[in-house]
């Protein structure tokens, strides 16, 4: 038989850390340089990703 492993349940404050500002619309946008060209529009697009929650938005140049 194996050993019983107890898993540590994260606190709610640790689980939702940094998301309260994003919920109110105050994202921390950073430029994501992995994808810079949009195939459908056929032009350069800046992809912005929130550092806290991971939501993305695009900005056409």
N, C-alpha and C. Protein backbone atom coordinates (compact mmCIF):
# COMPACT_ATOMS: atom_id res chain seq x y z
N UNK A 1 0.83 -1.18 0.00
CA UNK A 1 0.00 0.00 0.00
C UNK A 1 0.87 1.24 0.00
N UNK A 2 0.35 2.31 -0.60
CA UNK A 2 1.09 3.55 -0.67
C UNK A 2 0.80 4.46 0.50
N UNK A 3 1.56 5.51 0.59
CA UNK A 3 1.36 6.50 1.65
C UNK A 3 0.22 7.43 1.27
N UNK A 4 -0.48 7.94 2.26
CA UNK A 4 -1.56 8.90 2.04
C UNK A 4 -0.94 10.29 1.98
N UNK A 5 -1.24 11.00 0.89
CA UNK A 5 -0.71 12.34 0.68
C UNK A 5 -1.83 13.34 0.93
N UNK A 6 -1.61 14.29 1.82
CA UNK A 6 -2.59 15.33 2.09
C UNK A 6 -2.28 16.53 1.21
N UNK A 7 -3.27 16.99 0.49
CA UNK A 7 -3.10 18.15 -0.38
C UNK A 7 -3.46 19.40 0.39
N UNK A 8 -2.68 20.45 0.17
CA UNK A 8 -2.91 21.72 0.83
C UNK A 8 -3.89 22.54 0.00
N UNK A 9 -5.00 22.92 0.61
CA UNK A 9 -6.00 23.72 -0.07
C UNK A 9 -5.57 25.19 -0.01
N UNK A 10 -5.51 25.89 -1.16
CA UNK A 10 -5.06 27.29 -1.13
C UNK A 10 -6.10 28.19 -0.48
N UNK A 11 -5.62 29.23 0.20
CA UNK A 11 -6.51 30.22 0.78
C UNK A 11 -7.19 30.99 -0.34
N UNK A 12 -8.34 31.56 -0.05
CA UNK A 12 -9.04 32.36 -1.05
C UNK A 12 -8.23 33.60 -1.43
N UNK A 13 -7.51 34.16 -0.48
CA UNK A 13 -6.71 35.34 -0.79
C UNK A 13 -5.57 35.01 -1.75
N UNK A 14 -5.01 33.81 -1.64
CA UNK A 14 -3.95 33.39 -2.56
C UNK A 14 -4.52 33.02 -3.92
N UNK A 15 -5.71 32.46 -3.93
CA UNK A 15 -6.33 32.02 -5.18
C UNK A 15 -6.72 33.20 -6.06
N UNK A 16 -7.20 34.28 -5.45
CA UNK A 16 -7.69 35.43 -6.21
C UNK A 16 -6.74 36.62 -6.15
N UNK A 17 -5.48 36.39 -5.88
CA UNK A 17 -4.52 37.48 -5.77
C UNK A 17 -4.31 38.17 -7.11
N UNK A 18 -4.46 39.50 -7.12
CA UNK A 18 -4.22 40.29 -8.31
C UNK A 18 -5.37 40.36 -9.28
N UNK A 19 -6.51 39.73 -9.00
CA UNK A 19 -7.62 39.73 -9.94
C UNK A 19 -8.67 40.79 -9.62
N UNK A 20 -8.60 41.41 -8.45
CA UNK A 20 -9.61 42.39 -8.08
C UNK A 20 -9.50 43.64 -8.94
N UNK A 21 -8.29 44.05 -9.27
CA UNK A 21 -8.12 45.22 -10.14
C UNK A 21 -8.62 44.92 -11.55
N UNK A 22 -8.36 43.72 -12.04
CA UNK A 22 -8.80 43.36 -13.38
C UNK A 22 -10.32 43.25 -13.46
N UNK A 23 -10.92 42.84 -12.38
CA UNK A 23 -12.38 42.73 -12.36
C UNK A 23 -13.02 44.11 -12.52
N UNK A 24 -12.36 45.14 -12.02
CA UNK A 24 -12.86 46.51 -12.13
C UNK A 24 -12.43 47.18 -13.43
N UNK A 25 -11.69 46.48 -14.29
CA UNK A 25 -11.28 47.03 -15.57
C UNK A 25 -9.91 47.68 -15.58
N UNK A 26 -9.15 47.51 -14.52
CA UNK A 26 -7.81 48.11 -14.45
C UNK A 26 -6.77 47.03 -14.71
N UNK A 27 -6.61 46.69 -15.99
CA UNK A 27 -5.66 45.64 -16.37
C UNK A 27 -4.24 46.21 -16.43
N UNK A 28 -3.27 45.33 -16.37
CA UNK A 28 -1.86 45.71 -16.49
C UNK A 28 -1.37 45.17 -17.83
N UNK A 29 -1.53 45.97 -18.89
CA UNK A 29 -1.26 45.52 -20.25
C UNK A 29 0.24 45.49 -20.52
N UNK A 30 0.69 44.39 -21.15
CA UNK A 30 2.07 44.26 -21.61
C UNK A 30 2.03 43.71 -23.03
N UNK A 31 2.99 44.13 -23.85
CA UNK A 31 3.05 43.72 -25.24
C UNK A 31 3.51 42.26 -25.33
N UNK A 32 2.75 41.44 -26.08
CA UNK A 32 3.12 40.05 -26.31
C UNK A 32 3.72 39.96 -27.71
N UNK A 33 5.03 39.71 -27.79
CA UNK A 33 5.73 39.74 -29.07
C UNK A 33 5.70 38.41 -29.82
N UNK A 34 5.01 37.40 -29.30
CA UNK A 34 4.98 36.10 -29.95
C UNK A 34 4.15 36.15 -31.24
N UNK A 35 3.08 36.93 -31.27
CA UNK A 35 2.21 36.99 -32.44
C UNK A 35 2.02 38.46 -32.82
N UNK A 36 2.56 38.86 -33.97
CA UNK A 36 2.48 40.27 -34.37
C UNK A 36 1.76 40.48 -35.69
N UNK A 37 1.36 39.42 -36.39
CA UNK A 37 0.74 39.58 -37.70
C UNK A 37 -0.61 38.89 -37.69
N UNK A 38 -1.65 39.60 -38.10
CA UNK A 38 -3.00 39.04 -38.15
C UNK A 38 -3.29 38.60 -39.58
N UNK A 39 -3.65 37.34 -39.76
CA UNK A 39 -3.87 36.79 -41.09
C UNK A 39 -5.15 37.32 -41.71
N UNK A 40 -6.20 37.47 -40.93
CA UNK A 40 -7.49 37.92 -41.48
C UNK A 40 -7.44 39.37 -41.92
N UNK A 41 -6.82 40.23 -41.15
CA UNK A 41 -6.74 41.64 -41.52
C UNK A 41 -5.59 41.91 -42.47
N UNK A 42 -4.57 41.07 -42.47
CA UNK A 42 -3.43 41.23 -43.37
C UNK A 42 -2.53 42.39 -43.01
N UNK A 43 -2.41 42.71 -41.74
CA UNK A 43 -1.54 43.81 -41.34
C UNK A 43 -0.94 43.52 -39.96
N UNK A 44 0.00 44.37 -39.58
CA UNK A 44 0.64 44.20 -38.28
C UNK A 44 -0.33 44.58 -37.17
N UNK A 45 -0.35 43.75 -36.14
CA UNK A 45 -1.23 43.97 -35.00
C UNK A 45 -0.42 43.79 -33.73
N UNK A 46 -0.59 44.70 -32.78
CA UNK A 46 0.05 44.56 -31.48
C UNK A 46 -0.89 43.79 -30.58
N UNK A 47 -0.41 42.68 -30.03
CA UNK A 47 -1.20 41.87 -29.12
C UNK A 47 -0.81 42.23 -27.70
N UNK A 48 -1.78 42.70 -26.92
CA UNK A 48 -1.56 43.09 -25.54
C UNK A 48 -2.14 42.02 -24.63
N UNK A 49 -1.37 41.62 -23.60
CA UNK A 49 -1.82 40.60 -22.66
C UNK A 49 -1.69 41.16 -21.24
N UNK A 50 -2.73 40.93 -20.44
CA UNK A 50 -2.72 41.39 -19.05
C UNK A 50 -1.76 40.51 -18.25
N UNK A 51 -0.89 41.14 -17.47
CA UNK A 51 0.10 40.40 -16.68
C UNK A 51 -0.54 39.70 -15.49
N UNK A 52 -1.68 40.20 -15.02
CA UNK A 52 -2.33 39.62 -13.85
C UNK A 52 -3.24 38.46 -14.19
N UNK A 53 -4.16 38.68 -15.14
CA UNK A 53 -5.20 37.67 -15.38
C UNK A 53 -5.06 36.94 -16.71
N UNK A 54 -4.26 37.43 -17.66
CA UNK A 54 -4.02 36.73 -18.91
C UNK A 54 -4.98 37.07 -20.03
N UNK A 55 -5.86 38.04 -19.87
CA UNK A 55 -6.79 38.44 -20.92
C UNK A 55 -6.00 39.12 -22.03
N UNK A 56 -6.39 38.89 -23.28
CA UNK A 56 -5.69 39.50 -24.41
C UNK A 56 -6.59 40.48 -25.14
N UNK A 57 -5.97 41.47 -25.75
CA UNK A 57 -6.66 42.38 -26.66
C UNK A 57 -5.67 42.77 -27.76
N UNK A 58 -6.20 43.14 -28.90
CA UNK A 58 -5.34 43.49 -30.02
C UNK A 58 -5.50 44.95 -30.36
N UNK A 59 -4.44 45.51 -30.92
CA UNK A 59 -4.43 46.92 -31.29
C UNK A 59 -3.80 47.01 -32.67
N UNK A 60 -4.56 47.50 -33.66
CA UNK A 60 -4.04 47.61 -35.02
C UNK A 60 -3.14 48.83 -35.14
N UNK A 61 -2.07 48.66 -35.90
CA UNK A 61 -1.12 49.77 -36.08
C UNK A 61 -1.48 50.59 -37.27
